[in-house]
Amino acid sequence: MSETPPASGAIARAELAELAELFDRFSFAFDPLSADAKQAESLFNDRVRELYDKRVASAYEGVDFTGFVAHVRTACRAHLRANP
């Protein structure tokens, strides 16, 4: 079964779950300077930048990258609270 692509500017559930897992690995790491935490943060930032460039920047000119990152982090926190 194929998943319908998300609307422009939207984050699919699977993408949010992936981002939340990465966010959890670096935001709540026992050692935030560990290689795993740094790698998770780098992957998170790369993925958020990719989503912004592909779906948000051209569709929503009023949304800057910093605002999008804040929105994604908030969505990740909500996802982690709802899915402990």
Protein backbone atom coordinates (compact mmCIF):
# COMPACT_ATOMS: atom_id res chain seq x y z
CA MET A 1 0.00 0.00 0.00
CA SER A 2 1.53 3.31 -1.03
CA GLU A 3 1.26 6.40 1.10
CA THR A 4 -0.18 9.52 -0.50
CA PRO A 5 2.43 12.28 -0.60
CA PRO A 6 1.78 15.07 1.89
CA ALA A 7 0.47 18.43 0.77
CA SER A 8 2.93 21.18 0.07
CA GLY A 9 4.37 22.38 3.36
CA ALA A 10 3.06 19.39 5.32
CA ILE A 11 5.04 16.71 7.11
CA ALA A 12 3.82 13.14 6.71
CA ARG A 13 3.28 11.04 9.85
CA ALA A 14 6.16 8.74 8.96
CA GLU A 15 8.44 11.76 8.47
CA LEU A 16 7.37 13.23 11.79
CA ALA A 17 8.03 9.91 13.53
CA GLU A 18 11.51 9.79 11.97
CA LEU A 19 12.26 13.38 12.95
CA ALA A 20 10.93 12.84 16.48
CA GLU A 21 13.20 9.81 16.94
CA LEU A 22 16.22 11.85 15.85
CA PHE A 23 15.12 14.78 18.01
CA ASP A 24 14.79 12.48 21.02
CA ARG A 25 18.27 11.04 20.45
CA PHE A 26 19.98 14.42 20.63
CA SER A 27 17.67 16.58 22.73
CA PHE A 28 17.30 14.14 25.58
CA ALA A 29 20.68 12.38 25.34
CA PHE A 30 22.42 11.58 28.62
CA ASP A 31 25.59 12.86 26.95
CA PRO A 32 24.71 15.60 24.44
CA LEU A 33 28.33 15.62 23.26
CA SER A 34 28.33 11.91 22.36
CA ALA A 35 28.89 10.85 18.77
CA ASP A 36 25.35 9.43 18.60
CA ALA A 37 23.76 12.68 19.80
CA LYS A 38 25.82 14.75 17.37
CA GLN A 39 25.01 12.41 14.48
CA ALA A 40 21.28 12.48 15.31
CA GLU A 41 21.29 16.28 15.45
CA SER A 42 23.11 16.51 12.14
CA LEU A 43 20.67 14.09 10.47
CA PHE A 44 17.71 15.97 12.00
CA ASN A 45 18.99 19.32 10.72
CA ASP A 46 19.71 17.91 7.25
CA ARG A 47 16.23 16.34 7.01
CA VAL A 48 14.48 19.51 8.21
CA ARG A 49 16.45 21.58 5.68
CA GLU A 50 15.50 19.13 2.92
CA LEU A 51 11.79 19.31 3.83
CA TYR A 52 11.92 23.10 4.00
CA ASP A 53 13.66 23.42 0.64
CA LYS A 54 11.39 20.92 -1.14
CA ARG A 55 7.98 21.78 0.32
CA VAL A 56 7.91 24.99 2.30
CA ALA A 57 10.22 27.64 0.87
CA SER A 58 8.50 27.96 -2.50
CA ALA A 59 4.95 27.34 -1.29
CA TYR A 60 5.00 29.62 1.77
CA GLU A 61 7.21 32.64 1.18
CA GLY A 62 6.30 34.11 4.57
CA VAL A 63 7.72 31.13 6.48
CA ASP A 64 11.44 31.39 7.07
CA PHE A 65 13.69 28.45 7.90
CA THR A 66 14.04 29.41 11.57
CA GLY A 67 10.26 29.48 12.02
CA PHE A 68 9.92 26.13 10.26
CA VAL A 69 12.55 24.54 12.52
CA ALA A 70 10.70 25.84 15.59
CA HIS A 71 7.46 24.37 14.25
CA VAL A 72 9.10 20.99 13.58
CA ARG A 73 10.66 20.88 17.05
CA THR A 74 7.28 21.65 18.63
CA ALA A 75 5.66 18.92 16.52
CA CYS A 76 8.40 16.48 17.58
CA ARG A 77 7.84 17.24 21.26
CA ALA A 78 4.09 16.72 20.84
CA HIS A 79 4.69 13.45 18.98
CA LEU A 80 7.02 12.19 21.71
CA ARG A 81 4.48 13.09 24.44
CA ALA A 82 1.72 11.28 22.56
CA ASN A 83 3.90 8.24 21.77
CA PRO A 84 6.05 7.55 24.86
